[in-house]
Amino acid sequence: MVLLLLALLLLAPHPTAPAATDGPHPALAALTSRGDWKLLEPPRTFGADTLYEEIDGEAELFLPYGMERLTVAIVGRASAPGSEVRLELYRMASPRDAYGIWSQHRFPDQELLPLPPSEVVVSDTSADFFRGETFARVRAKPGERSRKEVVDLVSDIVTLLPGSGSPPEETRVLDGQPERVPGTVIYQKRSMLGYECLAPGFEARLSPPPARGRLLLLPPGGERLPRLARELPGFREISAALYRADLPSGPLWISPAGNCIVGVTGADLPRGEAERFLSTLAAGAKDVCAPSP
């Protein structure tokens, strides 16, 4: 009987220890160990299946970018009673995804905090940035010290996050276009211009004209051109290197550029103007989109 019970115990399933990635972001422990910042309450963590519990209504924006773990911590300066700042650390699937979700929170004319190579969007009560696979948000209650606390916390936490704060190479192609609106480059993982077949890809707004103009850069990925031909309305070949689709917002002109596809769209955008945009885009993307040897 004893041997039978022992055998049953050995065969019974045993709970496994949670993976290290299930705990709080390691940068948080590194931050508090320095002594300048302390936890005001235990940190909370959320996975992809529980993210809605913390940011209900916004979770659907994060999930396509491979959000793996969110750590939420309320911290304060050890030397300043009453200090309170909310720190959110999102571990994404890749640095490109971290940039992508950051780009969704980036808008023109925002103030930037110079912490190269990271581009930190900052205000008196908030800051957003990415570094490596982490997208970070800092939020403080309005007050006389709120801006200093936000800047100080960002300056400390950014040094504890591994990886680079440099954006993907494709963003520099779009930022190099003189007619793009600064601060509008976005990495889209889902629908672009209302069509899933265009994603994933990068886009930037054009200063008028044309109205509602967009520049597109679609990285390599499968048979993209055949899919565009199947799914974009009114898709047709204009020449050996020029295609057009008729979107509700206006014509979309696209052209292969090495392993990538470049595009431009806008209301009443004529062919000649479109080809000029596509030519400069293709020239800028020459190194990024060069075919493999």
Protein backbone atom coordinates (compact mmCIF):
# COMPACT_ATOMS: atom_id res chain seq x y z
CA MET A 1 0.00 0.00 0.00
CA VAL A 2 2.86 2.37 0.87
CA LEU A 3 4.52 1.67 -2.48
CA LEU A 4 1.22 2.26 -4.29
CA LEU A 5 0.71 5.65 -2.59
CA LEU A 6 4.30 6.62 -3.38
CA ALA A 7 3.81 5.75 -7.04
CA LEU A 8 0.61 7.80 -7.21
CA LEU A 9 2.37 10.81 -5.68
CA LEU A 10 5.18 10.56 -8.23
CA LEU A 11 2.73 10.37 -11.11
CA ALA A 12 0.51 13.20 -9.87
CA PRO A 13 0.98 16.55 -11.70
CA HIS A 14 2.98 19.11 -9.78
CA PRO A 15 2.49 22.87 -10.13
CA THR A 16 5.34 24.46 -12.02
CA ALA A 17 7.08 27.59 -10.86
CA PRO A 18 6.08 30.68 -12.82
CA ALA A 19 8.52 31.69 -15.52
CA ALA A 20 10.84 34.57 -14.77
CA THR A 21 9.16 36.56 -17.50
CA ASP A 22 5.91 36.46 -15.52
CA GLY A 23 7.35 38.70 -12.80
CA PRO A 24 7.77 42.48 -12.79
CA HIS A 25 10.08 44.03 -15.36
CA PRO A 26 13.68 43.59 -14.10
CA ALA A 27 14.40 47.28 -14.66
CA LEU A 28 12.05 48.07 -11.77
CA ALA A 29 14.17 46.17 -9.23
CA ALA A 30 17.28 47.82 -10.65
CA LEU A 31 15.66 51.23 -10.26
CA THR A 32 14.59 50.81 -6.65
CA SER A 33 17.88 49.18 -5.64
CA ARG A 34 19.67 52.46 -6.32
CA GLY A 35 17.82 54.07 -3.41
CA ASP A 36 16.57 57.24 -5.13
CA TRP A 37 13.14 55.77 -5.88
CA LYS A 38 10.97 53.54 -3.72
CA LEU A 39 7.86 51.52 -4.35
CA LEU A 40 4.75 53.05 -2.78
CA GLU A 41 2.76 49.86 -3.32
CA PRO A 42 3.50 46.38 -4.69
CA PRO A 43 3.94 46.35 -8.47
CA ARG A 44 1.27 44.69 -10.59
CA THR A 45 1.79 42.67 -13.75
CA PHE A 46 -0.53 41.81 -16.62
CA GLY A 47 -0.23 39.46 -19.58
CA ALA A 48 -1.85 39.63 -22.99
CA ASP A 49 -4.95 37.86 -21.67
CA THR A 50 -5.39 40.20 -18.67
CA LEU A 51 -4.22 43.52 -20.13
CA TYR A 52 -7.82 44.72 -20.48
CA GLU A 53 -8.11 44.68 -16.67
CA GLU A 54 -5.67 47.58 -16.48
CA ILE A 55 -6.17 49.49 -19.74
CA ASP A 56 -9.63 48.44 -20.87
CA GLY A 57 -10.44 50.06 -24.19
CA GLU A 58 -6.77 50.52 -25.08
CA ALA A 59 -5.66 46.88 -24.92
CA GLU A 60 -6.69 46.27 -28.54
CA LEU A 61 -4.11 48.84 -29.63
CA PHE A 62 -1.27 47.04 -27.83
CA LEU A 63 -2.04 43.40 -28.60
CA PRO A 64 -1.21 43.44 -32.35
CA TYR A 65 2.27 44.62 -31.41
CA GLY A 66 2.95 41.47 -29.39
CA MET A 67 2.51 42.86 -25.89
CA GLU A 68 3.88 40.13 -23.61
CA ARG A 69 3.95 41.67 -20.14
CA LEU A 70 2.95 44.96 -18.53
CA THR A 71 4.45 46.06 -15.21
CA VAL A 72 2.67 48.88 -13.39
CA ALA A 73 4.47 50.50 -10.48
CA ILE A 74 3.71 53.51 -8.30
CA VAL A 75 6.99 54.99 -7.17
CA GLY A 76 8.09 58.05 -5.27
CA ARG A 77 11.32 59.82 -4.48
CA ALA A 78 12.80 58.46 -1.28
CA SER A 79 13.88 61.99 -0.31
CA ALA A 80 10.55 63.67 -1.13
CA PRO A 81 7.51 62.66 0.96
CA GLY A 82 4.33 62.90 -1.09
CA SER A 83 6.13 62.25 -4.37
CA GLU A 84 4.11 59.85 -6.55
CA VAL A 85 4.69 58.80 -10.17
CA ARG A 86 3.09 55.99 -12.16
CA LEU A 87 5.49 53.92 -14.25
CA GLU A 88 4.26 51.52 -16.95
CA LEU A 89 6.74 49.15 -18.61
CA TYR A 90 5.40 47.17 -21.57
CA ARG A 91 7.57 44.29 -22.75
CA MET A 92 6.81 43.88 -26.44
CA ALA A 93 7.65 41.06 -28.85
CA SER A 94 10.55 42.95 -30.49
CA PRO A 95 12.22 46.37 -30.63
CA ARG A 96 10.30 47.04 -33.84
CA ASP A 97 7.03 46.36 -32.02
CA ALA A 98 8.10 48.61 -29.14
CA TYR A 99 8.75 51.38 -31.64
CA GLY A 100 5.43 50.64 -33.32
CA ILE A 101 3.34 51.11 -30.20
CA TRP A 102 5.37 54.20 -29.29
CA SER A 103 4.71 55.64 -32.76
CA GLN A 104 0.98 55.24 -32.11
CA HIS A 105 1.37 57.65 -29.17
CA ARG A 106 3.54 60.12 -31.09
CA PHE A 107 2.00 63.26 -32.60
CA PRO A 108 3.36 66.33 -34.39
CA ASP A 109 4.51 69.37 -32.40
CA GLN A 110 5.06 67.43 -29.17
CA GLU A 111 7.95 68.44 -26.94
CA LEU A 112 10.94 66.09 -27.07
CA LEU A 113 13.34 65.38 -24.22
CA PRO A 114 16.89 64.96 -25.60
CA LEU A 115 18.03 61.56 -24.32
CA PRO A 116 19.78 60.10 -27.40
CA PRO A 117 19.30 57.69 -28.97
CA SER A 118 15.81 57.48 -27.42
CA GLU A 119 13.29 60.10 -28.52
CA VAL A 120 11.22 60.90 -25.43
CA VAL A 121 7.91 62.70 -25.80
CA VAL A 122 7.48 64.76 -22.64
CA SER A 123 5.01 67.15 -21.01
CA ASP A 124 4.65 68.59 -17.51
CA THR A 125 2.93 65.39 -16.31
CA SER A 126 3.90 62.62 -18.75
CA ALA A 127 6.57 60.98 -20.87
CA ASP A 128 6.55 58.19 -23.48
CA PHE A 129 9.56 56.44 -24.99
CA PHE A 130 10.85 53.06 -26.10
CA ARG A 131 14.15 51.29 -25.69
CA GLY A 132 14.90 47.80 -26.95
CA GLU A 133 11.80 45.66 -26.48
CA THR A 134 10.28 47.97 -23.86
CA PHE A 135 7.74 50.74 -24.34
CA ALA A 136 7.56 52.97 -21.26
CA ARG A 137 4.98 55.46 -20.02
CA VAL A 138 5.43 57.79 -17.06
CA ARG A 139 2.53 59.70 -15.54
CA ALA A 140 2.51 62.15 -12.62
CA LYS A 141 -0.21 64.12 -10.87
CA PRO A 142 -0.20 67.83 -11.80
CA GLY A 143 1.83 69.88 -9.37
CA GLU A 144 4.87 72.09 -8.91
CA ARG A 145 7.25 69.11 -8.91
CA SER A 146 5.52 66.92 -11.47
CA ARG A 147 7.67 67.85 -14.49
CA LYS A 148 10.94 67.40 -12.60
CA GLU A 149 9.81 64.04 -11.25
CA VAL A 150 8.78 62.85 -14.72
CA VAL A 151 12.09 63.92 -16.29
CA ASP A 152 14.17 62.51 -13.43
CA LEU A 153 12.40 59.14 -13.51
CA VAL A 154 12.75 58.85 -17.29
CA SER A 155 16.44 59.79 -17.08
CA ASP A 156 16.99 57.04 -14.52
CA ILE A 157 14.88 54.25 -16.03
CA VAL A 158 16.11 54.69 -19.60
CA THR A 159 19.64 53.72 -18.55
CA LEU A 160 18.36 50.46 -17.05
CA LEU A 161 16.58 49.20 -20.15
CA PRO A 162 18.62 47.00 -22.50
CA GLY A 163 18.72 47.60 -26.23
CA SER A 164 18.71 50.63 -28.44
CA GLY A 165 16.32 53.54 -28.66
CA SER A 166 17.00 53.98 -32.36
CA PRO A 167 13.95 53.65 -34.64
CA PRO A 168 13.82 51.08 -37.46
CA GLU A 169 15.77 51.96 -40.60
CA GLU A 170 12.58 52.40 -42.62
CA THR A 171 11.55 55.39 -40.49
CA ARG A 172 14.65 57.29 -41.60
CA VAL A 173 13.60 56.82 -45.21
CA LEU A 174 10.25 58.48 -44.56
CA ASP A 175 11.73 61.14 -42.28
CA GLY A 176 14.13 61.99 -45.08
CA GLN A 177 11.29 63.04 -47.37
CA PRO A 178 11.09 66.86 -47.37
CA GLU A 179 7.30 66.96 -47.80
CA ARG A 180 6.39 64.66 -44.93
CA VAL A 181 4.90 66.12 -41.74
CA PRO A 182 7.51 65.73 -38.96
CA GLY A 183 6.47 63.44 -36.13
CA THR A 184 3.93 61.44 -38.14
CA VAL A 185 5.87 58.28 -39.05
CA ILE A 186 3.90 55.27 -37.78
CA TYR A 187 4.63 51.56 -37.92
CA GLN A 188 1.30 49.85 -38.50
CA LYS A 189 0.84 46.17 -37.66
CA ARG A 190 -2.81 46.08 -38.65
CA SER A 191 -4.96 47.85 -41.21
CA MET A 192 -3.29 50.65 -43.17
CA LEU A 193 -5.59 53.09 -44.97
CA GLY A 194 -8.37 50.66 -44.06
CA TYR A 195 -6.80 47.58 -45.73
CA GLU A 196 -5.16 44.67 -43.92
CA CYS A 197 -3.17 43.70 -47.02
CA LEU A 198 -1.05 46.86 -46.71
CA ALA A 199 0.17 45.99 -43.21
CA PRO A 200 2.65 45.65 -41.72
CA GLY A 201 4.22 48.81 -42.99
CA PHE A 202 5.33 52.37 -42.31
CA GLU A 203 3.41 55.50 -43.19
CA ALA A 204 3.84 59.25 -42.84
CA ARG A 205 1.53 62.14 -43.47
CA LEU A 206 2.19 64.51 -46.36
CA SER A 207 1.92 68.23 -45.95
CA PRO A 208 -0.79 69.50 -48.33
CA PRO A 209 -1.24 69.15 -51.17
CA PRO A 210 -2.50 66.48 -51.77
CA ALA A 211 -5.32 66.37 -49.24
CA ARG A 212 -5.06 63.45 -46.80
CA GLY A 213 -1.79 62.46 -48.46
CA ARG A 214 0.26 59.55 -47.12
CA LEU A 215 3.66 58.11 -47.93
CA LEU A 216 3.99 54.33 -47.52
CA LEU A 217 6.93 51.97 -47.16
CA LEU A 218 6.06 48.27 -47.00
CA PRO A 219 8.95 46.01 -45.91
CA PRO A 220 9.53 42.60 -47.49
CA GLY A 221 7.10 39.90 -46.46
CA GLY A 222 5.68 37.08 -48.54
CA GLU A 223 4.09 37.70 -51.92
CA ARG A 224 2.89 41.20 -51.14
CA LEU A 225 2.23 42.48 -54.63
CA PRO A 226 -0.06 39.57 -55.62
CA ARG A 227 -2.02 40.06 -52.40
CA LEU A 228 -2.41 43.77 -53.06
CA ALA A 229 -3.67 42.91 -56.54
CA ARG A 230 -6.30 40.61 -55.07
CA GLU A 231 -7.53 42.80 -52.20
CA LEU A 232 -7.17 46.46 -53.17
CA PRO A 233 -10.13 47.94 -55.08
CA GLY A 234 -9.52 48.86 -58.70
CA PHE A 235 -5.97 47.53 -58.63
CA ARG A 236 -4.28 47.58 -62.03
CA GLU A 237 -0.88 47.74 -63.65
CA ILE A 238 -0.07 51.08 -65.23
CA SER A 239 3.44 50.21 -66.38
CA ALA A 240 6.15 47.68 -65.57
CA ALA A 241 7.00 49.48 -62.32
CA LEU A 242 3.80 51.41 -61.50
CA TYR A 243 0.47 50.22 -60.13
CA ARG A 244 -2.68 52.01 -59.06
CA ALA A 245 -5.59 51.18 -56.76
CA ASP A 246 -8.71 53.28 -56.28
CA LEU A 247 -9.33 53.84 -52.57
CA PRO A 248 -12.26 55.83 -51.15
CA SER A 249 -9.75 58.50 -50.03
CA GLY A 250 -8.18 58.79 -53.47
CA PRO A 251 -5.81 56.90 -55.78
CA LEU A 252 -3.04 54.81 -54.26
CA TRP A 253 0.08 54.63 -56.43
CA ILE A 254 2.63 51.94 -55.63
CA SER A 255 5.92 50.76 -57.06
CA PRO A 256 8.45 48.03 -56.18
CA ALA A 257 11.65 49.33 -54.58
CA GLY A 258 14.11 46.49 -54.22
CA ASN A 259 12.55 44.03 -51.78
CA CYS A 260 10.09 46.66 -50.54
CA ILE A 261 7.07 48.43 -51.95
CA VAL A 262 6.72 52.21 -51.80
CA GLY A 263 3.46 54.05 -52.17
CA VAL A 264 1.78 57.43 -52.09
CA THR A 265 -1.87 58.33 -51.85
CA GLY A 266 -3.97 61.45 -51.71
CA ALA A 267 -7.16 62.92 -53.07
CA ASP A 268 -6.84 63.78 -56.78
CA LEU A 269 -3.14 62.85 -56.85
CA PRO A 270 -2.14 62.77 -60.54
CA ARG A 271 0.22 60.20 -62.02
CA GLY A 272 3.09 62.61 -62.67
CA GLU A 273 3.12 63.88 -59.10
CA ALA A 274 2.80 60.34 -57.75
CA GLU A 275 5.79 59.16 -59.78
CA ARG A 276 7.87 62.01 -58.38
CA PHE A 277 7.06 60.94 -54.81
CA LEU A 278 7.72 57.28 -55.60
CA SER A 279 11.05 58.06 -57.21
CA THR A 280 12.37 59.95 -54.17
CA LEU A 281 11.05 57.25 -51.84
CA ALA A 282 12.73 54.49 -53.83
CA ALA A 283 16.01 56.41 -53.87
CA GLY A 284 15.90 56.86 -50.10
CA ALA A 285 15.06 53.19 -49.57
CA LYS A 286 17.87 51.91 -51.78
CA ASP A 287 20.02 50.62 -48.91
CA VAL A 288 17.17 49.52 -46.65
CA CYS A 289 15.35 47.59 -49.36
CA ALA A 290 18.27 46.26 -51.40
CA PRO A 291 17.65 42.73 -52.69
CA SER A 292 19.58 39.98 -50.92
CA PRO A 293 22.79 38.98 -52.76
